[in-house]
Amino acid sequence: MTGYFDVVRGVKRSVTRHFGAASRAGLRLASPALLLLAGCTEMTTPQSYQCLLPTEQRMLVAELFFGRDVPGREPLSEAEWETFAAEIVTANFPDGFTAYNGEGQWRNPATGGISRQPTKILLVAVKRTPDLAARLSTVIEAYKRRFRQQSVGLVTRDSCAAF
């Protein structure tokens, strides 16, 4: 790995060769900038990771946030959630998922109004497959249609998992 001082020495030699010794004085002022540039070249290399335990596999973890307040009626019941999970979520993620209750807050981008409501949180850890985005979208769009929701929150991250 090339260090900061190696980079500075190489640049000083090049400047002296092309512009003479007088230009090296200006280079001293630029040295802090070279430090930043030398650091940037190392940061742009993606770091691959290994899972901690040999039984783990690299997976995508998706968290979905479903607001339970339904316009014009009572909030989504547990029975309605169970039916939705059985019909839609299980069909798209048959290997398993976890659902739990939370309290959410959301700002409507159109009105700027703040809404607080009970929320169903769905946690899914799955292998990346070509159809994964479509399966997530199917669950999100089905919930929005069925329960007249403007939005379903989604957070994804790479992780390691074993089951």
C-alpha atoms as a PDB file:
ATOM      1  CA  MET A   1       0.000   0.000   0.000  1.00  0.00           C
ATOM      2  CA  THR A   2       1.350   3.411  -0.911  1.00  0.00           C
ATOM      3  CA  GLY A   3       1.634   5.734   2.076  1.00  0.00           C
ATOM      4  CA  TYR A   4       1.141   9.473   2.261  1.00  0.00           C
ATOM      5  CA  PHE A   5       4.846  10.289   2.379  1.00  0.00           C
ATOM      6  CA  ASP A   6       5.573   8.041  -0.622  1.00  0.00           C
ATOM      7  CA  VAL A   7       2.937   9.975  -2.581  1.00  0.00           C
ATOM      8  CA  VAL A   8       4.357  13.360  -1.488  1.00  0.00           C
ATOM      9  CA  ARG A   9       7.966  12.361  -2.342  1.00  0.00           C
ATOM     10  CA  GLY A  10       6.887  11.153  -5.778  1.00  0.00           C
ATOM     11  CA  VAL A  11       4.983  14.350  -6.482  1.00  0.00           C
ATOM     12  CA  LYS A  12       7.910  16.498  -5.252  1.00  0.00           C
ATOM     13  CA  ARG A  13      10.295  14.674  -7.616  1.00  0.00           C
ATOM     14  CA  SER A  14       7.913  15.126 -10.515  1.00  0.00           C
ATOM     15  CA  VAL A  15       7.353  18.840  -9.783  1.00  0.00           C
ATOM     16  CA  THR A  16      11.094  19.507  -9.433  1.00  0.00           C
ATOM     17  CA  ARG A  17      11.856  17.655 -12.655  1.00  0.00           C
ATOM     18  CA  HIS A  18       9.231  19.586 -14.644  1.00  0.00           C
ATOM     19  CA  PHE A  19       9.086  23.014 -12.978  1.00  0.00           C
ATOM     20  CA  GLY A  20      12.297  23.472 -10.984  1.00  0.00           C
ATOM     21  CA  ALA A  21      13.047  23.753  -7.262  1.00  0.00           C
ATOM     22  CA  ALA A  22      11.107  27.005  -6.803  1.00  0.00           C
ATOM     23  CA  SER A  23       7.808  25.207  -7.421  1.00  0.00           C
ATOM     24  CA  ARG A  24       8.456  22.853  -4.493  1.00  0.00           C
ATOM     25  CA  ALA A  25       7.622  25.685  -2.062  1.00  0.00           C
ATOM     26  CA  GLY A  26       4.075  25.776  -3.421  1.00  0.00           C
ATOM     27  CA  LEU A  27       3.898  22.030  -3.070  1.00  0.00           C
ATOM     28  CA  ARG A  28       4.458  22.276   0.715  1.00  0.00           C
ATOM     29  CA  LEU A  29       1.233  24.243   0.939  1.00  0.00           C
ATOM     30  CA  ALA A  30      -0.586  21.558  -1.042  1.00  0.00           C
ATOM     31  CA  SER A  31       0.693  18.659   1.097  1.00  0.00           C
ATOM     32  CA  PRO A  32      -2.420  18.493   3.347  1.00  0.00           C
ATOM     33  CA  ALA A  33      -4.574  18.188   0.223  1.00  0.00           C
ATOM     34  CA  LEU A  34      -2.391  15.319  -0.965  1.00  0.00           C
ATOM     35  CA  LEU A  35      -3.040  13.573   2.335  1.00  0.00           C
ATOM     36  CA  LEU A  36      -6.751  13.744   1.666  1.00  0.00           C
ATOM     37  CA  LEU A  37      -6.314  12.462  -1.880  1.00  0.00           C
ATOM     38  CA  ALA A  38      -4.101   9.586  -0.753  1.00  0.00           C
ATOM     39  CA  GLY A  39      -6.763   8.613   1.796  1.00  0.00           C
ATOM     40  CA  CYS A  40      -9.543   8.791  -0.771  1.00  0.00           C
ATOM     41  CA  THR A  41      -7.927   6.275  -3.074  1.00  0.00           C
ATOM     42  CA  GLU A  42      -7.971   3.699  -0.315  1.00  0.00           C
ATOM     43  CA  MET A  43     -11.566   4.451   0.714  1.00  0.00           C
ATOM     44  CA  THR A  44     -12.976   3.847  -2.757  1.00  0.00           C
ATOM     45  CA  THR A  45     -11.986   0.174  -2.744  1.00  0.00           C
ATOM     46  CA  PRO A  46     -15.046  -1.800  -1.584  1.00  0.00           C
ATOM     47  CA  GLN A  47     -14.352  -3.988   1.404  1.00  0.00           C
ATOM     48  CA  SER A  48     -15.706  -7.503   1.125  1.00  0.00           C
ATOM     49  CA  TYR A  49     -16.726  -9.139   4.356  1.00  0.00           C
ATOM     50  CA  GLN A  50     -16.858 -12.621   5.707  1.00  0.00           C
ATOM     51  CA  CYS A  51     -19.568 -13.919   7.948  1.00  0.00           C
ATOM     52  CA  LEU A  52     -18.592 -14.482  11.565  1.00  0.00           C
ATOM     53  CA  LEU A  53     -19.771 -18.082  11.926  1.00  0.00           C
ATOM     54  CA  PRO A  54     -19.193 -20.829   9.364  1.00  0.00           C
ATOM     55  CA  THR A  55     -22.925 -21.646   9.341  1.00  0.00           C
ATOM     56  CA  GLU A  56     -23.884 -18.113   8.245  1.00  0.00           C
ATOM     57  CA  GLN A  57     -24.573 -17.024   4.686  1.00  0.00           C
ATOM     58  CA  ARG A  58     -24.581 -13.561   3.148  1.00  0.00           C
ATOM     59  CA  MET A  59     -28.156 -12.341   2.920  1.00  0.00           C
ATOM     60  CA  LEU A  60     -30.218  -9.236   2.438  1.00  0.00           C
ATOM     61  CA  VAL A  61     -32.225  -8.081   5.447  1.00  0.00           C
ATOM     62  CA  ALA A  62     -35.357  -6.114   4.627  1.00  0.00           C
ATOM     63  CA  GLU A  63     -37.433  -4.284   7.212  1.00  0.00           C
ATOM     64  CA  LEU A  64     -40.848  -3.123   6.096  1.00  0.00           C
ATOM     65  CA  PHE A  65     -42.992  -0.681   8.062  1.00  0.00           C
ATOM     66  CA  PHE A  66     -46.765  -0.962   7.616  1.00  0.00           C
ATOM     67  CA  GLY A  67     -48.920   1.775   9.116  1.00  0.00           C
ATOM     68  CA  ARG A  68     -52.034   0.309  10.706  1.00  0.00           C
ATOM     69  CA  ASP A  69     -54.280   3.380  10.542  1.00  0.00           C
ATOM     70  CA  VAL A  70     -56.662   2.819   7.634  1.00  0.00           C
ATOM     71  CA  PRO A  71     -58.464   5.878   6.229  1.00  0.00           C
ATOM     72  CA  GLY A  72     -62.180   5.962   6.992  1.00  0.00           C
ATOM     73  CA  ARG A  73     -62.296   3.052   9.415  1.00  0.00           C
ATOM     74  CA  GLU A  74     -60.804   1.422  12.489  1.00  0.00           C
ATOM     75  CA  PRO A  75     -57.068   0.556  12.488  1.00  0.00           C
ATOM     76  CA  LEU A  76     -55.890  -2.706  10.952  1.00  0.00           C
ATOM     77  CA  SER A  77     -56.741  -5.605  13.274  1.00  0.00           C
ATOM     78  CA  GLU A  78     -54.475  -8.524  14.151  1.00  0.00           C
ATOM     79  CA  ALA A  79     -56.831 -10.832  12.237  1.00  0.00           C
ATOM     80  CA  GLU A  80     -56.519  -8.660   9.105  1.00  0.00           C
ATOM     81  CA  TRP A  81     -52.729  -8.639   9.443  1.00  0.00           C
ATOM     82  CA  GLU A  82     -52.652 -12.431   9.861  1.00  0.00           C
ATOM     83  CA  THR A  83     -54.762 -12.859   6.723  1.00  0.00           C
ATOM     84  CA  PHE A  84     -52.505 -10.481   4.754  1.00  0.00           C
ATOM     85  CA  ALA A  85     -49.378 -12.246   6.040  1.00  0.00           C
ATOM     86  CA  ALA A  86     -50.769 -15.675   5.122  1.00  0.00           C
ATOM     87  CA  GLU A  87     -51.938 -14.675   1.649  1.00  0.00           C
ATOM     88  CA  ILE A  88     -49.261 -12.204   0.516  1.00  0.00           C
ATOM     89  CA  VAL A  89     -46.165 -12.289   2.740  1.00  0.00           C
ATOM     90  CA  THR A  90     -45.926 -16.075   3.019  1.00  0.00           C
ATOM     91  CA  ALA A  91     -46.477 -16.467  -0.728  1.00  0.00           C
ATOM     92  CA  ASN A  92     -43.481 -14.188  -1.405  1.00  0.00           C
ATOM     93  CA  PHE A  93     -41.245 -15.257   1.500  1.00  0.00           C
ATOM     94  CA  PRO A  94     -42.113 -18.881   2.233  1.00  0.00           C
ATOM     95  CA  ASP A  95     -38.822 -19.557   4.047  1.00  0.00           C
ATOM     96  CA  GLY A  96     -39.912 -17.333   6.914  1.00  0.00           C
ATOM     97  CA  PHE A  97     -40.151 -13.843   8.372  1.00  0.00           C
ATOM     98  CA  THR A  98     -40.791 -12.112  11.673  1.00  0.00           C
ATOM     99  CA  ALA A  99     -43.530  -9.573  12.326  1.00  0.00           C
ATOM    100  CA  TYR A 100     -43.899  -7.425  15.420  1.00  0.00           C
ATOM    101  CA  ASN A 101     -45.708  -4.321  16.600  1.00  0.00           C
ATOM    102  CA  GLY A 102     -44.245  -0.855  16.913  1.00  0.00           C
ATOM    103  CA  GLU A 103     -45.245   2.781  17.134  1.00  0.00           C
ATOM    104  CA  GLY A 104     -44.368   4.801  14.058  1.00  0.00           C
ATOM    105  CA  GLN A 105     -44.131   8.417  13.038  1.00  0.00           C
ATOM    106  CA  TRP A 106     -44.161   9.616   9.434  1.00  0.00           C
ATOM    107  CA  ARG A 107     -44.185  12.978   7.666  1.00  0.00           C
ATOM    108  CA  ASN A 108     -46.466  13.201   4.655  1.00  0.00           C
ATOM    109  CA  PRO A 109     -44.305  14.608   1.851  1.00  0.00           C
ATOM    110  CA  ALA A 110     -47.293  16.273   0.158  1.00  0.00           C
ATOM    111  CA  THR A 111     -48.757  18.068   3.181  1.00  0.00           C
ATOM    112  CA  GLY A 112     -45.864  18.126   5.652  1.00  0.00           C
ATOM    113  CA  GLY A 113     -48.234  16.790   8.311  1.00  0.00           C
ATOM    114  CA  ILE A 114     -46.919  14.420  10.977  1.00  0.00           C
ATOM    115  CA  SER A 115     -48.759  11.169  11.551  1.00  0.00           C
ATOM    116  CA  ARG A 116     -48.222   8.844  14.512  1.00  0.00           C
ATOM    117  CA  GLN A 117     -49.768   5.428  14.355  1.00  0.00           C
ATOM    118  CA  PRO A 118     -49.413   1.815  15.391  1.00  0.00           C
ATOM    119  CA  THR A 119     -47.136   0.009  12.938  1.00  0.00           C
ATOM    120  CA  LYS A 120     -46.561  -3.575  11.941  1.00  0.00           C
ATOM    121  CA  ILE A 121     -42.847  -4.219  11.313  1.00  0.00           C
ATOM    122  CA  LEU A 122     -41.867  -7.093   9.046  1.00  0.00           C
ATOM    123  CA  LEU A 123     -38.310  -8.436   9.150  1.00  0.00           C
ATOM    124  CA  VAL A 124     -37.155 -10.702   6.317  1.00  0.00           C
ATOM    125  CA  ALA A 125     -33.656 -12.182   5.828  1.00  0.00           C
ATOM    126  CA  VAL A 126     -33.274 -13.727   2.371  1.00  0.00           C
ATOM    127  CA  LYS A 127     -30.682 -14.698  -0.188  1.00  0.00           C
ATOM    128  CA  ARG A 128     -30.322 -12.218  -3.046  1.00  0.00           C
ATOM    129  CA  THR A 129     -32.131 -13.579  -6.059  1.00  0.00           C
ATOM    130  CA  PRO A 130     -33.060 -11.962  -9.375  1.00  0.00           C
ATOM    131  CA  ASP A 131     -36.723 -11.744  -8.317  1.00  0.00           C
ATOM    132  CA  LEU A 132     -36.161 -10.328  -4.813  1.00  0.00           C
ATOM    133  CA  ALA A 133     -37.011  -6.714  -5.700  1.00  0.00           C
ATOM    134  CA  ALA A 134     -40.217  -7.873  -7.396  1.00  0.00           C
ATOM    135  CA  ARG A 135     -41.253  -9.931  -4.365  1.00  0.00           C
ATOM    136  CA  LEU A 136     -40.671  -6.996  -2.002  1.00  0.00           C
ATOM    137  CA  SER A 137     -42.593  -4.696  -4.342  1.00  0.00           C
ATOM    138  CA  THR A 138     -45.479  -7.182  -4.527  1.00  0.00           C
ATOM    139  CA  VAL A 139     -45.865  -7.165  -0.733  1.00  0.00           C
ATOM    140  CA  ILE A 140     -45.621  -3.367  -0.527  1.00  0.00           C
ATOM    141  CA  GLU A 141     -48.074  -2.675  -3.358  1.00  0.00           C
ATOM    142  CA  ALA A 142     -50.574  -5.285  -2.110  1.00  0.00           C
ATOM    143  CA  TYR A 143     -50.635  -3.686   1.347  1.00  0.00           C
ATOM    144  CA  LYS A 144     -51.013  -0.181  -0.071  1.00  0.00           C
ATOM    145  CA  ARG A 145     -53.927  -1.278  -2.291  1.00  0.00           C
ATOM    146  CA  ARG A 146     -55.714  -3.430   0.255  1.00  0.00           C
ATOM    147  CA  PHE A 147     -55.494  -0.963   3.154  1.00  0.00           C
ATOM    148  CA  ARG A 148     -55.457   2.341   1.211  1.00  0.00           C
ATOM    149  CA  GLN A 149     -51.964   3.323   2.354  1.00  0.00           C
ATOM    150  CA  GLN A 150     -49.925   6.079   0.735  1.00  0.00           C
ATOM    151  CA  SER A 151     -46.616   4.513   1.712  1.00  0.00           C
ATOM    152  CA  VAL A 152     -44.888   1.464   3.193  1.00  0.00           C
ATOM    153  CA  GLY A 153     -41.434   2.051   4.669  1.00  0.00           C
ATOM    154  CA  LEU A 154     -38.549  -0.131   3.506  1.00  0.00           C
ATOM    155  CA  VAL A 155     -34.992  -0.430   4.808  1.00  0.00           C
ATOM    156  CA  THR A 156     -32.535  -2.952   3.324  1.00  0.00           C
ATOM    157  CA  ARG A 157     -29.024  -3.903   4.300  1.00  0.00           C
ATOM    158  CA  ASP A 158     -26.511  -6.636   3.589  1.00  0.00           C
ATOM    159  CA  SER A 159     -25.932  -8.993   6.471  1.00  0.00           C
ATOM    160  CA  CYS A 160     -25.006 -12.525   7.484  1.00  0.00           C
ATOM    161  CA  ALA A 161     -27.573 -14.991   8.790  1.00  0.00           C
ATOM    162  CA  ALA A 162     -28.032 -18.629   9.728  1.00  0.00           C
ATOM    163  CA  PHE A 163     -31.263 -20.482  10.406  1.00  0.00           C
END
